[in-house]
PDB file of N, CA and C in Angstrom:
ATOM      1  N   UNK A   1      17.578 -17.541 -38.932  1.00  0.00           N
ATOM      2  CA  UNK A   1      18.586 -16.606 -39.411  1.00  0.00           C
ATOM      3  C   UNK A   1      19.957 -17.204 -39.117  1.00  0.00           C
ATOM      4  N   UNK A   2      20.768 -17.337 -40.156  1.00  0.00           N
ATOM      5  CA  UNK A   2      22.101 -17.897 -39.954  1.00  0.00           C
ATOM      6  C   UNK A   2      23.075 -16.807 -39.504  1.00  0.00           C
ATOM      7  N   UNK A   3      24.302 -17.189 -39.233  1.00  0.00           N
ATOM      8  CA  UNK A   3      25.300 -16.268 -38.699  1.00  0.00           C
ATOM      9  C   UNK A   3      25.640 -15.126 -39.619  1.00  0.00           C
ATOM     10  N   UNK A   4      25.722 -15.392 -40.923  1.00  0.00           N
ATOM     11  CA  UNK A   4      26.077 -14.313 -41.836  1.00  0.00           C
ATOM     12  C   UNK A   4      24.954 -13.278 -41.933  1.00  0.00           C
ATOM     13  N   UNK A   5      23.711 -13.714 -41.835  1.00  0.00           N
ATOM     14  CA  UNK A   5      22.597 -12.758 -41.886  1.00  0.00           C
ATOM     15  C   UNK A   5      22.623 -11.844 -40.668  1.00  0.00           C
ATOM     16  N   UNK A   6      22.926 -12.396 -39.522  1.00  0.00           N
ATOM     17  CA  UNK A   6      23.033 -11.578 -38.313  1.00  0.00           C
ATOM     18  C   UNK A   6      24.165 -10.572 -38.405  1.00  0.00           C
ATOM     19  N   UNK A   7      25.300 -11.016 -38.914  1.00  0.00           N
ATOM     20  CA  UNK A   7      26.442 -10.107 -39.089  1.00  0.00           C
ATOM     21  C   UNK A   7      26.132  -9.022 -40.113  1.00  0.00           C
ATOM     22  N   UNK A   8      25.405  -9.383 -41.155  1.00  0.00           N
ATOM     23  CA  UNK A   8      25.020  -8.412 -42.177  1.00  0.00           C
ATOM     24  C   UNK A   8      24.125  -7.337 -41.574  1.00  0.00           C
ATOM     25  N   UNK A   9      23.185  -7.742 -40.741  1.00  0.00           N
ATOM     26  CA  UNK A   9      22.284  -6.789 -40.090  1.00  0.00           C
ATOM     27  C   UNK A   9      23.055  -5.884 -39.133  1.00  0.00           C
ATOM     28  N   UNK A  10      23.954  -6.470 -38.358  1.00  0.00           N
ATOM     29  CA  UNK A  10      24.754  -5.669 -37.413  1.00  0.00           C
ATOM     30  C   UNK A  10      25.597  -4.654 -38.166  1.00  0.00           C
ATOM     31  N   UNK A  11      26.262  -5.084 -39.200  1.00  0.00           N
ATOM     32  CA  UNK A  11      27.138  -4.195 -39.959  1.00  0.00           C
ATOM     33  C   UNK A  11      26.340  -3.074 -40.620  1.00  0.00           C
ATOM     34  N   UNK A  12      25.242  -3.412 -41.240  1.00  0.00           N
ATOM     35  CA  UNK A  12      24.413  -2.400 -41.901  1.00  0.00           C
ATOM     36  C   UNK A  12      23.879  -1.396 -40.886  1.00  0.00           C
ATOM     37  N   UNK A  13      23.479  -1.876 -39.730  1.00  0.00           N
ATOM     38  CA  UNK A  13      22.979  -0.987 -38.686  1.00  0.00           C
ATOM     39  C   UNK A  13      24.069  -0.048 -38.193  1.00  0.00           C
ATOM     40  N   UNK A  14      25.270  -0.562 -38.004  1.00  0.00           N
ATOM     41  CA  UNK A  14      26.373   0.283 -37.550  1.00  0.00           C
ATOM     42  C   UNK A  14      26.738   1.348 -38.584  1.00  0.00           C
ATOM     43  N   UNK A  15      26.768   0.991 -39.849  1.00  0.00           N
ATOM     44  CA  UNK A  15      27.091   1.961 -40.896  1.00  0.00           C
ATOM     45  C   UNK A  15      25.964   2.997 -41.007  1.00  0.00           C
ATOM     46  N   UNK A  16      24.717   2.567 -40.881  1.00  0.00           N
ATOM     47  CA  UNK A  16      23.596   3.515 -40.907  1.00  0.00           C
ATOM     48  C   UNK A  16      23.680   4.470 -39.715  1.00  0.00           C
ATOM     49  N   UNK A  17      23.998   3.944 -38.537  1.00  0.00           N
ATOM     50  CA  UNK A  17      24.137   4.793 -37.349  1.00  0.00           C
ATOM     51  C   UNK A  17      25.285   5.788 -37.529  1.00  0.00           C
ATOM     52  N   UNK A  18      26.362   5.337 -38.132  1.00  0.00           N
ATOM     53  CA  UNK A  18      27.498   6.217 -38.387  1.00  0.00           C
ATOM     54  C   UNK A  18      27.113   7.339 -39.360  1.00  0.00           C
ATOM     55  N   UNK A  19      26.327   7.018 -40.371  1.00  0.00           N
ATOM     56  CA  UNK A  19      25.903   8.050 -41.322  1.00  0.00           C
ATOM     57  C   UNK A  19      24.971   9.060 -40.651  1.00  0.00           C
ATOM     58  N   UNK A  20      24.071   8.587 -39.807  1.00  0.00           N
ATOM     59  CA  UNK A  20      23.179   9.495 -39.075  1.00  0.00           C
ATOM     60  C   UNK A  20      23.997  10.383 -38.138  1.00  0.00           C
ATOM     61  N   UNK A  21      24.969   9.798 -37.464  1.00  0.00           N
ATOM     62  CA  UNK A  21      25.836  10.582 -36.579  1.00  0.00           C
ATOM     63  C   UNK A  21      26.570  11.668 -37.358  1.00  0.00           C
ATOM     64  N   UNK A  22      27.128  11.323 -38.511  1.00  0.00           N
ATOM     65  CA  UNK A  22      27.873  12.299 -39.310  1.00  0.00           C
ATOM     66  C   UNK A  22      26.989  13.470 -39.729  1.00  0.00           C
ATOM     67  N   UNK A  23      25.779  13.179 -40.170  1.00  0.00           N
ATOM     68  CA  UNK A  23      24.860  14.243 -40.590  1.00  0.00           C
ATOM     69  C   UNK A  23      24.465  15.106 -39.400  1.00  0.00           C
ATOM     70  N   UNK A  24      24.052  14.470 -38.310  1.00  0.00           N
ATOM     71  CA  UNK A  24      23.622  15.230 -37.128  1.00  0.00           C
ATOM     72  C   UNK A  24      24.770  16.063 -36.563  1.00  0.00           C
ATOM     73  N   UNK A  25      25.941  15.497 -36.521  1.00  0.00           N
ATOM     74  CA  UNK A  25      27.107  16.191 -35.969  1.00  0.00           C
ATOM     75  C   UNK A  25      27.405  17.454 -36.754  1.00  0.00           C
ATOM     76  N   UNK A  26      27.482  17.331 -38.065  1.00  0.00           N
ATOM     77  CA  UNK A  26      27.921  18.450 -38.891  1.00  0.00           C
ATOM     78  C   UNK A  26      26.823  19.449 -39.218  1.00  0.00           C
ATOM     79  N   UNK A  27      25.555  19.101 -38.962  1.00  0.00           N
ATOM     80  CA  UNK A  27      24.483  20.059 -39.212  1.00  0.00           C
ATOM     81  C   UNK A  27      23.934  20.688 -37.932  1.00  0.00           C
ATOM     82  N   UNK A  28      23.818  19.897 -36.831  1.00  0.00           N
ATOM     83  CA  UNK A  28      23.129  20.406 -35.650  1.00  0.00           C
ATOM     84  C   UNK A  28      23.910  20.299 -34.354  1.00  0.00           C
ATOM     85  N   UNK A  29      24.507  19.164 -34.094  1.00  0.00           N
ATOM     86  CA  UNK A  29      25.064  18.914 -32.761  1.00  0.00           C
ATOM     87  C   UNK A  29      26.303  19.754 -32.450  1.00  0.00           C
ATOM     88  N   UNK A  30      27.283  19.745 -33.325  1.00  0.00           N
ATOM     89  CA  UNK A  30      28.524  20.510 -33.097  1.00  0.00           C
ATOM     90  C   UNK A  30      29.229  20.780 -34.416  1.00  0.00           C
ATOM     91  N   UNK A  31      28.580  21.546 -35.320  1.00  0.00           N
ATOM     92  CA  UNK A  31      29.211  21.804 -36.615  1.00  0.00           C
ATOM     93  C   UNK A  31      30.457  22.670 -36.463  1.00  0.00           C
ATOM     94  N   UNK A  32      31.352  22.557 -37.421  1.00  0.00           N
ATOM     95  CA  UNK A  32      32.564  23.376 -37.395  1.00  0.00           C
ATOM     96  C   UNK A  32      32.232  24.857 -37.548  1.00  0.00           C
ATOM     97  N   UNK A  33      31.203  25.153 -38.335  1.00  0.00           N
ATOM     98  CA  UNK A  33      30.748  26.530 -38.514  1.00  0.00           C
ATOM     99  C   UNK A  33      29.279  26.610 -38.105  1.00  0.00           C
ATOM    100  N   UNK A  34      28.860  27.715 -37.517  1.00  0.00           N
ATOM    101  CA  UNK A  34      27.439  27.873 -37.166  1.00  0.00           C
ATOM    102  C   UNK A  34      26.542  27.717 -38.397  1.00  0.00           C
ATOM    103  N   UNK A  35      25.466  26.979 -38.243  1.00  0.00           N
ATOM    104  CA  UNK A  35      24.544  26.758 -39.351  1.00  0.00           C
ATOM    105  C   UNK A  35      24.853  25.525 -40.167  1.00  0.00           C
ATOM    106  N   UNK A  36      25.938  24.841 -39.874  1.00  0.00           N
ATOM    107  CA  UNK A  36      26.273  23.620 -40.595  1.00  0.00           C
ATOM    108  C   UNK A  36      27.590  23.722 -41.321  1.00  0.00           C
ATOM    109  N   UNK A  37      28.084  22.593 -41.698  1.00  0.00           N
ATOM    110  CA  UNK A  37      29.395  22.513 -42.327  1.00  0.00           C
ATOM    111  C   UNK A  37      29.310  21.605 -43.546  1.00  0.00           C
ATOM    112  N   UNK A  38      30.147  21.874 -44.536  1.00  0.00           N
ATOM    113  CA  UNK A  38      30.171  20.998 -45.708  1.00  0.00           C
ATOM    114  C   UNK A  38      30.791  19.639 -45.382  1.00  0.00           C
ATOM    115  N   UNK A  39      31.308  19.501 -44.179  1.00  0.00           N
ATOM    116  CA  UNK A  39      31.832  18.205 -43.762  1.00  0.00           C
ATOM    117  C   UNK A  39      30.716  17.165 -43.680  1.00  0.00           C
ATOM    118  N   UNK A  40      29.465  17.625 -43.750  1.00  0.00           N
ATOM    119  CA  UNK A  40      28.341  16.700 -43.757  1.00  0.00           C
ATOM    120  C   UNK A  40      28.413  15.764 -44.963  1.00  0.00           C
ATOM    121  N   UNK A  41      29.132  16.172 -45.995  1.00  0.00           N
ATOM    122  CA  UNK A  41      29.265  15.341 -47.194  1.00  0.00           C
ATOM    123  C   UNK A  41      30.008  14.038 -46.935  1.00  0.00           C
ATOM    124  N   UNK A  42      30.683  13.942 -45.779  1.00  0.00           N
ATOM    125  CA  UNK A  42      31.370  12.685 -45.462  1.00  0.00           C
ATOM    126  C   UNK A  42      30.377  11.554 -45.235  1.00  0.00           C
ATOM    127  N   UNK A  43      29.100  11.882 -45.041  1.00  0.00           N
ATOM    128  CA  UNK A  43      28.073  10.860 -44.850  1.00  0.00           C
ATOM    129  C   UNK A  43      27.602  10.252 -46.170  1.00  0.00           C
ATOM    130  N   UNK A  44      27.853  10.921 -47.283  1.00  0.00           N
ATOM    131  CA  UNK A  44      27.364  10.446 -48.578  1.00  0.00           C
ATOM    132  C   UNK A  44      27.885   9.050 -48.925  1.00  0.00           C
ATOM    133  N   UNK A  45      29.193   8.776 -48.821  1.00  0.00           N
ATOM    134  CA  UNK A  45      29.650   7.410 -49.137  1.00  0.00           C
ATOM    135  C   UNK A  45      29.012   6.346 -48.235  1.00  0.00           C
ATOM    136  N   UNK A  46      28.771   6.701 -46.980  1.00  0.00           N
ATOM    137  CA  UNK A  46      28.145   5.744 -46.064  1.00  0.00           C
ATOM    138  C   UNK A  46      26.728   5.408 -46.511  1.00  0.00           C
ATOM    139  N   UNK A  47      25.992   6.412 -46.919  1.00  0.00           N
ATOM    140  CA  UNK A  47      24.614   6.194 -47.372  1.00  0.00           C
ATOM    141  C   UNK A  47      24.605   5.409 -48.685  1.00  0.00           C
ATOM    142  N   UNK A  48      25.537   5.715 -49.564  1.00  0.00           N
ATOM    143  CA  UNK A  48      25.569   5.034 -50.866  1.00  0.00           C
ATOM    144  C   UNK A  48      25.910   3.553 -50.757  1.00  0.00           C
ATOM    145  N   UNK A  49      26.698   3.168 -49.758  1.00  0.00           N
ATOM    146  CA  UNK A  49      27.102   1.766 -49.644  1.00  0.00           C
ATOM    147  C   UNK A  49      26.056   0.916 -48.911  1.00  0.00           C
ATOM    148  N   UNK A  50      25.120   1.535 -48.219  1.00  0.00           N
ATOM    149  CA  UNK A  50      24.147   0.767 -47.438  1.00  0.00           C
ATOM    150  C   UNK A  50      23.399  -0.308 -48.233  1.00  0.00           C
ATOM    151  N   UNK A  51      22.890  -0.015 -49.448  1.00  0.00           N
ATOM    152  CA  UNK A  51      22.199  -1.086 -50.185  1.00  0.00           C
ATOM    153  C   UNK A  51      23.091  -2.285 -50.491  1.00  0.00           C
ATOM    154  N   UNK A  52      24.337  -2.039 -50.848  1.00  0.00           N
ATOM    155  CA  UNK A  52      25.255  -3.148 -51.160  1.00  0.00           C
ATOM    156  C   UNK A  52      25.557  -3.964 -49.906  1.00  0.00           C
ATOM    157  N   UNK A  53      25.717  -3.289 -48.777  1.00  0.00           N
ATOM    158  CA  UNK A  53      25.953  -4.020 -47.526  1.00  0.00           C
ATOM    159  C   UNK A  53      24.726  -4.829 -47.148  1.00  0.00           C
ATOM    160  N   UNK A  54      23.549  -4.250 -47.306  1.00  0.00           N
ATOM    161  CA  UNK A  54      22.312  -4.952 -46.947  1.00  0.00           C
ATOM    162  C   UNK A  54      22.126  -6.206 -47.801  1.00  0.00           C
ATOM    163  N   UNK A  55      22.503  -6.118 -49.083  1.00  0.00           N
ATOM    164  CA  UNK A  55      22.381  -7.290 -49.965  1.00  0.00           C
ATOM    165  C   UNK A  55      23.457  -8.333 -49.708  1.00  0.00           C
ATOM    166  N   UNK A  56      24.468  -7.982 -48.924  1.00  0.00           N
ATOM    167  CA  UNK A  56      25.516  -8.944 -48.593  1.00  0.00           C
ATOM    168  C   UNK A  56      26.579  -9.083 -49.667  1.00  0.00           C
ATOM    169  N   UNK A  57      26.797  -8.057 -50.441  1.00  0.00           N
ATOM    170  CA  UNK A  57      27.811  -8.101 -51.487  1.00  0.00           C
ATOM    171  C   UNK A  57      29.200  -8.107 -50.857  1.00  0.00           C
ATOM    172  N   UNK A  58      29.880  -9.206 -51.006  1.00  0.00           N
ATOM    173  CA  UNK A  58      31.177  -9.384 -50.351  1.00  0.00           C
ATOM    174  C   UNK A  58      32.189  -8.347 -50.837  1.00  0.00           C
ATOM    175  N   UNK A  59      32.147  -7.989 -52.105  1.00  0.00           N
ATOM    176  CA  UNK A  59      33.081  -7.002 -52.627  1.00  0.00           C
ATOM    177  C   UNK A  59      32.908  -5.659 -51.910  1.00  0.00           C
ATOM    178  N   UNK A  60      31.672  -5.272 -51.632  1.00  0.00           N
ATOM    179  CA  UNK A  60      31.427  -4.023 -50.895  1.00  0.00           C
ATOM    180  C   UNK A  60      32.009  -4.117 -49.491  1.00  0.00           C
ATOM    181  N   UNK A  61      31.844  -5.257 -48.863  1.00  0.00           N
ATOM    182  CA  UNK A  61      32.408  -5.454 -47.526  1.00  0.00           C
ATOM    183  C   UNK A  61      33.942  -5.380 -47.567  1.00  0.00           C
ATOM    184  N   UNK A  62      34.523  -5.951 -48.601  1.00  0.00           N
ATOM    185  CA  UNK A  62      35.978  -5.917 -48.717  1.00  0.00           C
ATOM    186  C   UNK A  62      36.486  -4.486 -48.889  1.00  0.00           C
ATOM    187  N   UNK A  63      35.826  -3.705 -49.736  1.00  0.00           N
ATOM    188  CA  UNK A  63      36.230  -2.309 -49.912  1.00  0.00           C
ATOM    189  C   UNK A  63      36.039  -1.520 -48.630  1.00  0.00           C
ATOM    190  N   UNK A  64      34.913  -1.724 -47.968  1.00  0.00           N
ATOM    191  CA  UNK A  64      34.629  -0.954 -46.762  1.00  0.00           C
ATOM    192  C   UNK A  64      35.485  -1.370 -45.585  1.00  0.00           C
ATOM    193  N   UNK A  65      36.089  -2.540 -45.656  1.00  0.00           N
ATOM    194  CA  UNK A  65      37.022  -2.906 -44.583  1.00  0.00           C
ATOM    195  C   UNK A  65      38.215  -1.958 -44.575  1.00  0.00           C
ATOM    196  N   UNK A  66      38.521  -1.362 -45.718  1.00  0.00           N
ATOM    197  CA  UNK A  66      39.606  -0.375 -45.787  1.00  0.00           C
ATOM    198  C   UNK A  66      39.086   1.044 -45.574  1.00  0.00           C
ATOM    199  N   UNK A  67      37.956   1.376 -46.182  1.00  0.00           N
ATOM    200  CA  UNK A  67      37.459   2.747 -46.142  1.00  0.00           C
ATOM    201  C   UNK A  67      36.887   3.155 -44.791  1.00  0.00           C
ATOM    202  N   UNK A  68      36.329   2.210 -44.053  1.00  0.00           N
ATOM    203  CA  UNK A  68      35.746   2.549 -42.753  1.00  0.00           C
ATOM    204  C   UNK A  68      36.810   3.023 -41.776  1.00  0.00           C
ATOM    205  N   UNK A  69      38.053   2.628 -42.036  1.00  0.00           N
ATOM    206  CA  UNK A  69      39.149   3.064 -41.168  1.00  0.00           C
ATOM    207  C   UNK A  69      39.375   4.575 -41.244  1.00  0.00           C
ATOM    208  N   UNK A  70      39.014   5.206 -42.359  1.00  0.00           N
ATOM    209  CA  UNK A  70      39.108   6.667 -42.461  1.00  0.00           C
ATOM    210  C   UNK A  70      38.194   7.339 -41.438  1.00  0.00           C
ATOM    211  N   UNK A  71      37.005   6.769 -41.246  1.00  0.00           N
ATOM    212  CA  UNK A  71      36.067   7.324 -40.267  1.00  0.00           C
ATOM    213  C   UNK A  71      36.574   7.086 -38.847  1.00  0.00           C
ATOM    214  N   UNK A  72      37.198   5.946 -38.624  1.00  0.00           N
ATOM    215  CA  UNK A  72      37.776   5.680 -37.305  1.00  0.00           C
ATOM    216  C   UNK A  72      38.902   6.669 -37.011  1.00  0.00           C
ATOM    217  N   UNK A  73      39.738   6.917 -38.003  1.00  0.00           N
ATOM    218  CA  UNK A  73      40.844   7.872 -37.818  1.00  0.00           C
ATOM    219  C   UNK A  73      40.326   9.279 -37.579  1.00  0.00           C
ATOM    220  N   UNK A  74      39.328   9.688 -38.344  1.00  0.00           N
ATOM    221  CA  UNK A  74      38.764  11.024 -38.138  1.00  0.00           C
ATOM    222  C   UNK A  74      38.177  11.146 -36.739  1.00  0.00           C
ATOM    223  N   UNK A  75      37.464  10.117 -36.305  1.00  0.00           N
ATOM    224  CA  UNK A  75      36.892  10.151 -34.966  1.00  0.00           C
ATOM    225  C   UNK A  75      37.957  10.263 -33.890  1.00  0.00           C
ATOM    226  N   UNK A  76      39.043   9.522 -34.044  1.00  0.00           N
ATOM    227  CA  UNK A  76      40.138   9.601 -33.069  1.00  0.00           C
ATOM    228  C   UNK A  76      40.778  10.987 -33.049  1.00  0.00           C
ATOM    229  N   UNK A  77      41.042  11.524 -34.234  1.00  0.00           N
ATOM    230  CA  UNK A  77      41.674  12.846 -34.307  1.00  0.00           C
ATOM    231  C   UNK A  77      40.770  13.900 -33.690  1.00  0.00           C
ATOM    232  N   UNK A  78      39.500  13.880 -34.058  1.00  0.00           N
ATOM    233  CA  UNK A  78      38.591  14.894 -33.523  1.00  0.00           C
ATOM    234  C   UNK A  78      38.272  14.649 -32.056  1.00  0.00           C
ATOM    235  N   UNK A  79      38.280  13.406 -31.635  1.00  0.00           N
ATOM    236  CA  UNK A  79      38.083  13.111 -30.220  1.00  0.00           C
ATOM    237  C   UNK A  79      39.218  13.618 -29.354  1.00  0.00           C
ATOM    238  N   UNK A  80      40.391  13.664 -29.912  1.00  0.00           N
ATOM    239  CA  UNK A  80      41.561  14.134 -29.168  1.00  0.00           C
ATOM    240  C   UNK A  80      41.826  15.627 -29.323  1.00  0.00           C
ATOM    241  N   UNK A  81      41.330  16.250 -30.403  1.00  0.00           N
ATOM    242  CA  UNK A  81      41.792  17.607 -30.686  1.00  0.00           C
ATOM    243  C   UNK A  81      40.720  18.675 -30.852  1.00  0.00           C
ATOM    244  N   UNK A  82      39.455  18.327 -30.977  1.00  0.00           N
ATOM    245  CA  UNK A  82      38.443  19.365 -31.184  1.00  0.00           C
ATOM    246  C   UNK A  82      38.330  20.274 -29.969  1.00  0.00           C
ATOM    247  N   UNK A  83      37.846  21.480 -30.218  1.00  0.00           N
ATOM    248  CA  UNK A  83      37.820  22.513 -29.178  1.00  0.00           C
ATOM    249  C   UNK A  83      36.710  22.301 -28.147  1.00  0.00           C
ATOM    250  N   UNK A  84      35.552  21.831 -28.575  1.00  0.00           N
ATOM    251  CA  UNK A  84      34.429  21.713 -27.646  1.00  0.00           C
ATOM    252  C   UNK A  84      34.297  20.288 -27.120  1.00  0.00           C
ATOM    253  N   UNK A  85      33.773  20.175 -25.915  1.00  0.00           N
ATOM    254  CA  UNK A  85      33.584  18.853 -25.308  1.00  0.00           C
ATOM    255  C   UNK A  85      32.570  18.022 -26.087  1.00  0.00           C
ATOM    256  N   UNK A  86      31.534  18.665 -26.605  1.00  0.00           N
ATOM    257  CA  UNK A  86      30.529  17.945 -27.393  1.00  0.00           C
ATOM    258  C   UNK A  86      31.153  17.332 -28.633  1.00  0.00           C
ATOM    259  N   UNK A  87      31.959  18.108 -29.324  1.00  0.00           N
ATOM    260  CA  UNK A  87      32.602  17.630 -30.534  1.00  0.00           C
ATOM    261  C   UNK A  87      33.605  16.514 -30.226  1.00  0.00           C
ATOM    262  N   UNK A  88      34.320  16.638 -29.124  1.00  0.00           N
ATOM    263  CA  UNK A  88      35.247  15.565 -28.730  1.00  0.00           C
ATOM    264  C   UNK A  88      34.481  14.281 -28.428  1.00  0.00           C
ATOM    265  N   UNK A  89      33.367  14.393 -27.724  1.00  0.00           N
ATOM    266  CA  UNK A  89      32.547  13.214 -27.417  1.00  0.00           C
ATOM    267  C   UNK A  89      32.037  12.569 -28.700  1.00  0.00           C
ATOM    268  N   UNK A  90      31.540  13.394 -29.619  1.00  0.00           N
ATOM    269  CA  UNK A  90      31.058  12.866 -30.892  1.00  0.00           C
ATOM    270  C   UNK A  90      32.173  12.194 -31.687  1.00  0.00           C
ATOM    271  N   UNK A  91      33.389  12.717 -31.568  1.00  0.00           N
ATOM    272  CA  UNK A  91      34.540  12.084 -32.213  1.00  0.00           C
ATOM    273  C   UNK A  91      34.777  10.687 -31.675  1.00  0.00           C
ATOM    274  N   UNK A  92      34.685  10.540 -30.360  1.00  0.00           N
ATOM    275  CA  UNK A  92      34.865   9.220 -29.759  1.00  0.00           C
ATOM    276  C   UNK A  92      33.732   8.266 -30.134  1.00  0.00           C
ATOM    277  N   UNK A  93      32.515   8.801 -30.234  1.00  0.00           N
ATOM    278  CA  UNK A  93      31.390   7.959 -30.667  1.00  0.00           C
ATOM    279  C   UNK A  93      31.606   7.508 -32.111  1.00  0.00           C
ATOM    280  N   UNK A  94      32.051   8.424 -32.968  1.00  0.00           N
ATOM    281  CA  UNK A  94      32.341   8.059 -34.358  1.00  0.00           C
ATOM    282  C   UNK A  94      33.426   6.990 -34.426  1.00  0.00           C
ATOM    283  N   UNK A  95      34.480   7.168 -33.649  1.00  0.00           N
ATOM    284  CA  UNK A  95      35.560   6.177 -33.643  1.00  0.00           C
ATOM    285  C   UNK A  95      35.044   4.822 -33.165  1.00  0.00           C
ATOM    286  N   UNK A  96      34.198   4.822 -32.159  1.00  0.00           N
ATOM    287  CA  UNK A  96      33.639   3.566 -31.651  1.00  0.00           C
ATOM    288  C   UNK A  96      32.745   2.874 -32.667  1.00  0.00           C
ATOM    289  N   UNK A  97      31.859   3.640 -33.304  1.00  0.00           N
ATOM    290  CA  UNK A  97      30.983   3.056 -34.324  1.00  0.00           C
ATOM    291  C   UNK A  97      31.782   2.518 -35.503  1.00  0.00           C
ATOM    292  N   UNK A  98      32.772   3.277 -35.946  1.00  0.00           N
ATOM    293  CA  UNK A  98      33.582   2.841 -37.086  1.00  0.00           C
ATOM    294  C   UNK A  98      34.389   1.591 -36.742  1.00  0.00           C
ATOM    295  N   UNK A  99      34.916   1.534 -35.518  1.00  0.00           N
ATOM    296  CA  UNK A  99      35.679   0.358 -35.105  1.00  0.00           C
ATOM    297  C   UNK A  99      34.779  -0.871 -35.000  1.00  0.00           C
ATOM    298  N   UNK A 100      33.581  -0.675 -34.445  1.00  0.00           N
ATOM    299  CA  UNK A 100      32.630  -1.794 -34.363  1.00  0.00           C
ATOM    300  C   UNK A 100      32.209  -2.248 -35.763  1.00  0.00           C
ATOM    301  N   UNK A 101      31.996  -1.284 -36.664  1.00  0.00           N
ATOM    302  CA  UNK A 101      31.646  -1.636 -38.046  1.00  0.00           C
ATOM    303  C   UNK A 101      32.789  -2.392 -38.708  1.00  0.00           C
ATOM    304  N   UNK A 102      34.012  -1.962 -38.461  1.00  0.00           N
ATOM    305  CA  UNK A 102      35.173  -2.655 -39.013  1.00  0.00           C
ATOM    306  C   UNK A 102      35.206  -4.110 -38.535  1.00  0.00           C
ATOM    307  N   UNK A 103      34.994  -4.310 -37.255  1.00  0.00           N
ATOM    308  CA  UNK A 103      34.972  -5.674 -36.715  1.00  0.00           C
ATOM    309  C   UNK A 103      33.869  -6.513 -37.322  1.00  0.00           C
ATOM    310  N   UNK A 104      32.685  -5.932 -37.487  1.00  0.00           N
ATOM    311  CA  UNK A 104      31.581  -6.706 -38.067  1.00  0.00           C
ATOM    312  C   UNK A 104      31.810  -6.981 -39.552  1.00  0.00           C
ATOM    313  N   UNK A 105      32.479  -6.060 -40.235  1.00  0.00           N
ATOM    314  CA  UNK A 105      32.821  -6.290 -41.646  1.00  0.00           C
ATOM    315  C   UNK A 105      33.777  -7.466 -41.764  1.00  0.00           C
ATOM    316  N   UNK A 106      34.808  -7.466 -40.943  1.00  0.00           N
ATOM    317  CA  UNK A 106      35.766  -8.573 -40.976  1.00  0.00           C
ATOM    318  C   UNK A 106      35.097  -9.901 -40.625  1.00  0.00           C
ATOM    319  N   UNK A 107      34.238  -9.880 -39.617  1.00  0.00           N
ATOM    320  CA  UNK A 107      33.545 -11.110 -39.219  1.00  0.00           C
ATOM    321  C   UNK A 107      32.639 -11.611 -40.342  1.00  0.00           C
ATOM    322  N   UNK A 108      31.952 -10.695 -41.030  1.00  0.00           N
ATOM    323  CA  UNK A 108      31.074 -11.101 -42.124  1.00  0.00           C
ATOM    324  C   UNK A 108      31.870 -11.725 -43.266  1.00  0.00           C
ATOM    325  N   UNK A 109      32.947 -11.087 -43.655  1.00  0.00           N
ATOM    326  CA  UNK A 109      33.761 -11.615 -44.764  1.00  0.00           C
ATOM    327  C   UNK A 109      34.339 -12.969 -44.382  1.00  0.00           C
ATOM    328  N   UNK A 110      34.818 -13.096 -43.159  1.00  0.00           N
ATOM    329  CA  UNK A 110      35.368 -14.374 -42.701  1.00  0.00           C
ATOM    330  C   UNK A 110      34.293 -15.464 -42.698  1.00  0.00           C
ATOM    331  N   UNK A 111      33.099 -15.145 -42.203  1.00  0.00           N
ATOM    332  CA  UNK A 111      32.011 -16.135 -42.166  1.00  0.00           C
ATOM    333  C   UNK A 111      31.562 -16.505 -43.583  1.00  0.00           C
ATOM    334  N   UNK A 112      31.547 -15.546 -44.471  1.00  0.00           N
ATOM    335  CA  UNK A 112      31.158 -15.817 -45.848  1.00  0.00           C
ATOM    336  C   UNK A 112      32.185 -16.711 -46.531  1.00  0.00           C
ATOM    337  N   UNK A 113      33.460 -16.426 -46.315  1.00  0.00           N
ATOM    338  CA  UNK A 113      34.504 -17.268 -46.892  1.00  0.00           C
ATOM    339  C   UNK A 113      34.437 -18.674 -46.333  1.00  0.00           C
ATOM    340  N   UNK A 114      34.168 -18.816 -45.039  1.00  0.00           N
ATOM    341  CA  UNK A 114      34.082 -20.142 -44.420  1.00  0.00           C
ATOM    342  C   UNK A 114      32.905 -20.942 -44.975  1.00  0.00           C
ATOM    343  N   UNK A 115      31.798 -20.247 -45.278  1.00  0.00           N
ATOM    344  CA  UNK A 115      30.627 -20.975 -45.807  1.00  0.00           C
ATOM    345  C   UNK A 115      30.828 -21.415 -47.252  1.00  0.00           C
ATOM    346  N   UNK A 116      31.778 -20.816 -47.956  1.00  0.00           N
ATOM    347  CA  UNK A 116      32.060 -21.203 -49.335  1.00  0.00           C
ATOM    348  C   UNK A 116      32.946 -22.443 -49.423  1.00  0.00           C
ATOM    349  N   UNK A 117      33.617 -22.773 -48.339  1.00  0.00           N
ATOM    350  CA  UNK A 117      34.546 -23.920 -48.360  1.00  0.00           C
ATOM    351  C   UNK A 117      33.822 -25.214 -48.210  1.00  0.00           C
TER     352      UNK A 117
END
């Protein structure tokens, strides 16, 4: 397994973990409303991009290098401002996963560009 394959696996795993976290958070762990929240829909883009990330499509990685920052920002805001301790913790976990995914996305794109030279 070469370096780009490892980075692809790490990135895909982080985005999958982030999507699972978003669904669990908004349906069971600490939803904004009892019984679940429509905020669970924020996981849909994450699930939809997984096949493209798994295939190593550089264009998908380039787009997600910008879009994943929205999840990092949401995690930071909710980590600092949500009312319950559980929700604040989940916000910090979301911010951490999104930041790690951002780093792996950048590393993958950089490694892919280097292998093309």
